[in-house]
């Protein structure tokens, strides 16, 4: 480029494959291969003049196939299907459309996956590890202990306008599934929902409105919502929005176990009150 006042923007993929196959590590390999190509063009052109294009294509394909990383593809397929799909899209796009279009398509697919994972945050229903005060995902530990009429949900992502409604819908779904399980055992309905906000590092005004609407809706249905372990920034937003005062400060807890104890005590008091009303005053009888 410096000799002929040209600006090289890219190189032939076949040449890149050959350079990689022979183990080239520095720019000297490109200089040597360029000199070889120049000598071939100057002195050996008549030899290759009548060579069929299919032979030249086969040579290029053989060297390009050596750049195909099978082990990485297998690893991505086993570990993360989304990454494997991005890899496939980038490979096919580069193979049929060129490097620029292939990379552009791969970047676009990566952005779509990021948006999807952001809009659909991971959530989990929690249960207590037997003999401990630890609460974990019931899908990860099938033998966890759960309390009737009490639902514990952990939200594992920041809450903002794009995913707040999805998180609310997931809580509703968990409640519906739990009540269906309780109905099979004739064990009542969900009366308390505990939201574990410890993984939530950020919350915006839209999410605050969604939490407020969820609290009001569930309260009308006779369900009490408690929140536990929000971060400093999240707690500050909850206070400024007035949600803490609306729900009551006694419904916010530093840990899941504290919220569970509060809910169980409230359920015990409600059962004692109901029992007292059913028994009535002995003198009246």
Protein backbone atom coordinates (compact mmCIF):
# COMPACT_ATOMS: atom_id res chain seq x y z
CA UNK A 1 0.00 0.00 0.00
CA UNK A 2 2.85 2.42 0.79
CA UNK A 3 4.66 1.64 -2.50
CA UNK A 4 1.65 2.07 -4.79
CA UNK A 5 -0.16 4.75 -2.68
CA UNK A 6 -3.05 2.38 -1.96
CA UNK A 7 -5.02 1.78 1.20
CA UNK A 8 -5.66 -1.95 1.75
CA UNK A 9 -9.05 -2.48 3.39
CA UNK A 10 -9.27 -6.25 3.43
CA UNK A 11 -7.64 -9.40 2.14
CA UNK A 12 -8.82 -12.53 0.41
CA UNK A 13 -10.37 -15.00 2.84
CA UNK A 14 -8.46 -17.81 1.14
CA UNK A 15 -5.17 -16.04 1.74
CA UNK A 16 -6.15 -15.46 5.38
CA UNK A 17 -6.96 -19.15 5.73
CA UNK A 18 -3.60 -20.16 4.28
CA UNK A 19 -1.80 -17.73 6.56
CA UNK A 20 -3.60 -19.18 9.57
CA UNK A 21 -2.99 -22.77 8.47
CA UNK A 22 0.76 -22.34 8.09
CA UNK A 23 0.95 -20.76 11.55
CA UNK A 24 1.77 -17.16 10.57
CA UNK A 25 2.17 -14.99 13.69
CA UNK A 26 3.51 -11.65 12.43
CA UNK A 27 3.23 -9.33 9.45
CA UNK A 28 6.33 -10.94 7.95
CA UNK A 29 4.20 -13.88 6.83
CA UNK A 30 2.07 -11.54 4.73
CA UNK A 31 5.20 -9.99 3.17
CA UNK A 32 6.59 -13.41 2.26
CA UNK A 33 3.29 -14.65 0.85
CA UNK A 34 2.98 -11.42 -1.15
CA UNK A 35 6.42 -11.95 -2.65
CA UNK A 36 5.56 -15.55 -3.55
CA UNK A 37 2.34 -14.42 -5.23
CA UNK A 38 4.27 -11.77 -7.19
CA UNK A 39 6.82 -14.33 -8.38
CA UNK A 40 4.05 -16.71 -9.42
CA UNK A 41 2.31 -13.95 -11.40
CA UNK A 42 5.55 -12.93 -13.11
CA UNK A 43 6.99 -16.32 -14.01
CA UNK A 44 4.35 -19.04 -13.57
CA UNK A 45 1.24 -17.44 -15.02
CA UNK A 46 1.26 -19.64 -18.17
CA UNK A 47 1.22 -22.73 -15.95
CA UNK A 48 -2.00 -21.71 -14.16
CA UNK A 49 -3.61 -19.91 -17.09
CA UNK A 50 -5.77 -22.82 -18.21
CA UNK A 51 -6.55 -24.21 -14.73
CA UNK A 52 -10.35 -24.68 -14.26
CA UNK A 53 -12.03 -22.31 -11.83
CA UNK A 54 -13.47 -25.29 -9.98
CA UNK A 55 -9.93 -26.35 -9.00
CA UNK A 56 -9.14 -22.89 -7.66
CA UNK A 57 -12.47 -22.88 -5.79
CA UNK A 58 -11.68 -26.27 -4.28
CA UNK A 59 -8.32 -24.99 -3.04
CA UNK A 60 -9.98 -22.00 -1.38
CA UNK A 61 -12.72 -24.17 0.19
CA UNK A 62 -10.18 -26.62 1.63
CA UNK A 63 -8.24 -23.86 3.34
CA UNK A 64 -11.40 -22.07 4.56
CA UNK A 65 -12.69 -25.29 6.11
CA UNK A 66 -9.53 -25.40 8.20
CA UNK A 67 -10.69 -22.13 9.83
CA UNK A 68 -13.98 -23.70 10.94
CA UNK A 69 -13.72 -24.20 14.71
CA UNK A 70 -15.80 -27.33 15.35
CA UNK A 71 -14.81 -27.61 19.01
CA UNK A 72 -15.99 -24.08 19.78
CA UNK A 73 -19.33 -24.74 18.06
CA UNK A 74 -19.85 -27.92 20.10
CA UNK A 75 -18.88 -26.11 23.30
CA UNK A 76 -21.34 -23.25 22.63
CA UNK A 77 -24.13 -25.71 21.82
CA UNK A 78 -23.61 -27.56 25.10
CA UNK A 79 -23.16 -24.49 27.32
CA UNK A 80 -25.38 -21.76 25.89
CA UNK A 81 -27.86 -22.21 23.05
CA UNK A 82 -28.26 -18.46 22.49
CA UNK A 83 -24.53 -17.99 21.96
CA UNK A 84 -24.55 -20.96 19.60
CA UNK A 85 -27.35 -19.37 17.56
CA UNK A 86 -25.37 -16.13 17.29
CA UNK A 87 -22.35 -18.15 16.20
CA UNK A 88 -24.37 -19.95 13.50
CA UNK A 89 -25.87 -16.69 12.21
CA UNK A 90 -22.43 -15.03 12.06
CA UNK A 91 -20.95 -18.04 10.28
CA UNK A 92 -23.70 -18.36 7.68
CA UNK A 93 -23.88 -14.60 7.13
CA UNK A 94 -20.12 -14.38 6.60
CA UNK A 95 -20.11 -17.46 4.38
CA UNK A 96 -22.89 -16.35 2.01
CA UNK A 97 -23.00 -12.54 2.34
CA UNK A 98 -19.48 -11.50 3.27
CA UNK A 99 -17.63 -10.45 6.40
CA UNK A 100 -19.32 -7.06 6.78
CA UNK A 101 -22.88 -8.37 6.46
CA UNK A 102 -22.10 -11.40 8.59
CA UNK A 103 -20.76 -9.31 11.45
CA UNK A 104 -23.62 -6.83 11.14
CA UNK A 105 -26.21 -9.62 11.35
CA UNK A 106 -24.41 -11.20 14.33
CA UNK A 107 -24.36 -7.87 16.18
CA UNK A 108 -28.07 -7.34 15.44
CA UNK A 109 -28.94 -10.81 16.74
CA UNK A 110 -26.85 -10.19 19.88
CA UNK A 111 -28.72 -6.92 20.53
CA UNK A 112 -32.06 -8.69 20.09
CA UNK A 113 -31.04 -11.36 22.61
CA UNK A 114 -29.93 -8.70 25.11
CA UNK A 115 -33.25 -6.88 24.74
CA UNK A 116 -35.18 -10.13 25.12
CA UNK A 117 -33.35 -11.11 28.30
CA UNK A 118 -33.89 -7.60 29.66
CA UNK A 119 -37.61 -7.50 28.86
CA UNK A 120 -38.18 -10.97 30.33
CA UNK A 121 -36.31 -10.92 33.66
CA UNK A 122 -35.55 -14.09 35.54
CA UNK A 123 -37.75 -14.71 38.56
CA UNK A 124 -38.00 -17.60 40.97
CA UNK A 125 -40.33 -19.03 43.60
CA UNK A 126 -38.41 -19.62 46.82
CA UNK A 127 -38.62 -22.28 49.47
CA UNK A 128 -36.71 -22.99 52.68
CA UNK A 129 -33.85 -25.45 52.82
CA UNK A 130 -34.76 -28.00 55.52
CA UNK A 131 -33.06 -27.28 58.83
CA UNK A 132 -31.79 -23.83 57.76
CA UNK A 133 -33.01 -20.27 57.35
CA UNK A 134 -31.91 -20.16 53.70
CA UNK A 135 -34.43 -19.69 50.91
CA UNK A 136 -33.59 -20.92 47.43
CA UNK A 137 -35.19 -21.54 44.03
CA UNK A 138 -37.63 -24.46 44.22
CA UNK A 139 -36.58 -25.56 40.70
CA UNK A 140 -32.98 -25.87 41.84
CA UNK A 141 -33.78 -27.70 45.08
CA UNK A 142 -36.95 -29.82 44.72
CA UNK A 143 -37.00 -30.81 48.43
CA UNK A 144 -37.50 -27.26 49.73
CA UNK A 145 -40.14 -26.56 52.34
CA UNK A 146 -43.00 -24.20 51.51
CA UNK A 147 -45.76 -22.76 53.66
CA UNK A 148 -49.42 -22.91 52.72
CA UNK A 149 -51.01 -19.58 51.79
CA UNK A 150 -47.55 -17.96 51.54
CA UNK A 151 -45.79 -17.22 48.25
CA UNK A 152 -42.16 -16.03 48.09
CA UNK A 153 -40.93 -14.63 44.78
CA UNK A 154 -37.44 -13.36 43.96
CA UNK A 155 -36.88 -10.91 41.09
CA UNK A 156 -33.39 -11.35 39.64
CA UNK A 157 -33.05 -8.19 37.55
CA UNK A 158 -33.35 -4.40 37.72
CA UNK A 159 -36.94 -3.22 37.34
CA UNK A 160 -37.69 -0.57 34.75
CA UNK A 161 -40.28 0.34 32.13
CA UNK A 162 -39.39 -2.52 29.76
CA UNK A 163 -39.73 -5.43 32.20
CA UNK A 164 -41.86 -4.22 35.13
CA UNK A 165 -45.14 -5.44 33.63
CA UNK A 166 -43.57 -8.80 32.77
CA UNK A 167 -42.38 -9.22 36.37
CA UNK A 168 -45.86 -8.39 37.64
CA UNK A 169 -47.42 -10.92 35.27
CA UNK A 170 -45.01 -13.58 36.49
CA UNK A 171 -46.01 -12.92 40.11
CA UNK A 172 -49.66 -13.29 39.12
CA UNK A 173 -48.85 -16.54 37.34
CA UNK A 174 -47.01 -17.92 40.39
CA UNK A 175 -49.95 -16.98 42.57
CA UNK A 176 -52.43 -18.68 40.26
CA UNK A 177 -50.35 -21.87 40.08
CA UNK A 178 -49.89 -21.91 43.86
CA UNK A 179 -53.61 -21.48 44.49
CA UNK A 180 -54.36 -24.33 42.09
CA UNK A 181 -52.01 -26.55 44.12
CA UNK A 182 -53.63 -25.40 47.37
CA UNK A 183 -57.10 -26.08 45.99
CA UNK A 184 -56.17 -29.69 45.29
CA UNK A 185 -55.30 -30.12 48.98
CA UNK A 186 -58.15 -27.91 50.21
CA UNK A 187 -55.55 -25.69 51.93
CA UNK A 188 -57.08 -22.30 51.25
CA UNK A 189 -55.68 -19.53 49.04
CA UNK A 190 -52.61 -17.34 48.94
CA UNK A 191 -52.85 -14.66 51.60
CA UNK A 192 -49.30 -13.30 51.67
CA UNK A 193 -46.80 -12.57 48.89
CA UNK A 194 -43.17 -11.81 49.77
CA UNK A 195 -41.08 -10.10 47.10
CA UNK A 196 -37.34 -10.62 47.52
CA UNK A 197 -35.75 -7.51 45.97
CA UNK A 198 -32.14 -8.25 46.93
CA UNK A 199 -30.99 -8.77 43.29
CA UNK A 200 -32.80 -5.60 42.11
CA UNK A 201 -30.09 -2.94 41.71
CA UNK A 202 -32.24 -0.31 39.99
CA UNK A 203 -35.89 0.67 39.81
CA UNK A 204 -37.52 3.46 37.80
CA UNK A 205 -40.81 5.34 38.15
CA UNK A 206 -42.70 3.00 35.83
CA UNK A 207 -41.74 0.01 37.94
CA UNK A 208 -42.77 1.91 41.08
CA UNK A 209 -46.22 2.54 39.61
CA UNK A 210 -46.49 -1.13 38.66
CA UNK A 211 -45.62 -2.21 42.22
CA UNK A 212 -48.14 0.25 43.62
CA UNK A 213 -50.89 -1.03 41.30
CA UNK A 214 -50.01 -4.62 42.18
CA UNK A 215 -50.19 -3.83 45.89
CA UNK A 216 -53.59 -2.14 45.56
CA UNK A 217 -54.99 -4.94 43.38
CA UNK A 218 -53.80 -7.71 45.68
CA UNK A 219 -55.04 -5.85 48.75
CA UNK A 220 -58.53 -5.78 47.25
CA UNK A 221 -58.25 -9.55 46.83
CA UNK A 222 -57.28 -9.96 50.49
CA UNK A 223 -53.59 -10.57 49.81
CA UNK A 224 -50.85 -8.76 51.73
CA UNK A 225 -47.58 -7.96 49.93
CA UNK A 226 -44.30 -7.70 51.81
CA UNK A 227 -40.90 -6.73 50.48
CA UNK A 228 -37.50 -7.68 51.79
CA UNK A 229 -33.87 -6.68 51.38
CA UNK A 230 -34.09 -3.87 48.79
CA UNK A 231 -30.78 -2.13 48.05
CA UNK A 232 -29.95 1.41 49.14
CA UNK A 233 -30.89 3.00 45.81
CA UNK A 234 -34.09 0.97 45.54
CA UNK A 235 -35.06 1.76 49.14
CA UNK A 236 -34.55 5.46 48.49
CA UNK A 237 -36.86 5.33 45.45
CA UNK A 238 -39.47 3.38 47.42
CA UNK A 239 -39.40 6.02 50.16
CA UNK A 240 -39.52 8.99 47.79
CA UNK A 241 -42.41 7.50 45.82
CA UNK A 242 -44.50 7.04 48.96
CA UNK A 243 -44.87 3.30 48.40
CA UNK A 244 -43.32 2.51 51.78
CA UNK A 245 -45.91 4.67 53.55
CA UNK A 246 -48.71 3.22 51.43
CA UNK A 247 -47.78 -0.39 52.23
CA UNK A 248 -46.68 0.33 55.79
CA UNK A 249 -43.14 0.24 57.09
CA UNK A 250 -43.93 -2.96 58.99
CA UNK A 251 -44.19 -4.74 55.62
CA UNK A 252 -40.52 -4.16 54.72
CA UNK A 253 -37.86 -6.50 56.09
CA UNK A 254 -34.08 -6.92 55.90
CA UNK A 255 -34.27 -10.62 55.04
CA UNK A 256 -36.65 -13.25 53.74
CA UNK A 257 -36.74 -15.15 57.03
CA UNK A 258 -37.94 -12.04 58.89
CA UNK A 259 -40.75 -11.51 56.38
CA UNK A 260 -41.75 -15.17 56.66
CA UNK A 261 -41.92 -14.99 60.47
CA UNK A 262 -44.09 -11.89 60.24
CA UNK A 263 -46.49 -13.52 57.79
CA UNK A 264 -46.73 -16.73 59.83
CA UNK A 265 -47.45 -14.76 63.01
CA UNK A 266 -50.14 -12.77 61.21
CA UNK A 267 -51.73 -15.97 59.93
CA UNK A 268 -51.65 -17.46 63.45
CA UNK A 269 -53.36 -14.36 64.87
CA UNK A 270 -56.00 -14.50 62.16
CA UNK A 271 -56.69 -18.18 62.86
CA UNK A 272 -56.93 -17.53 66.63
CA UNK A 273 -59.35 -14.67 66.03
CA UNK A 274 -61.47 -16.79 63.72
CA UNK A 275 -61.46 -19.65 66.22
CA UNK A 276 -62.51 -17.32 69.03
CA UNK A 277 -65.39 -16.01 66.96
CA UNK A 278 -66.53 -19.55 66.13
CA UNK A 279 -66.39 -20.72 69.74
CA UNK A 280 -68.14 -17.64 71.07
CA UNK A 281 -68.79 -16.70 74.69
CA UNK A 282 -69.70 -19.75 76.83
CA UNK A 283 -72.11 -17.65 78.98
CA UNK A 284 -74.12 -16.74 75.89
CA UNK A 285 -74.60 -20.41 75.19
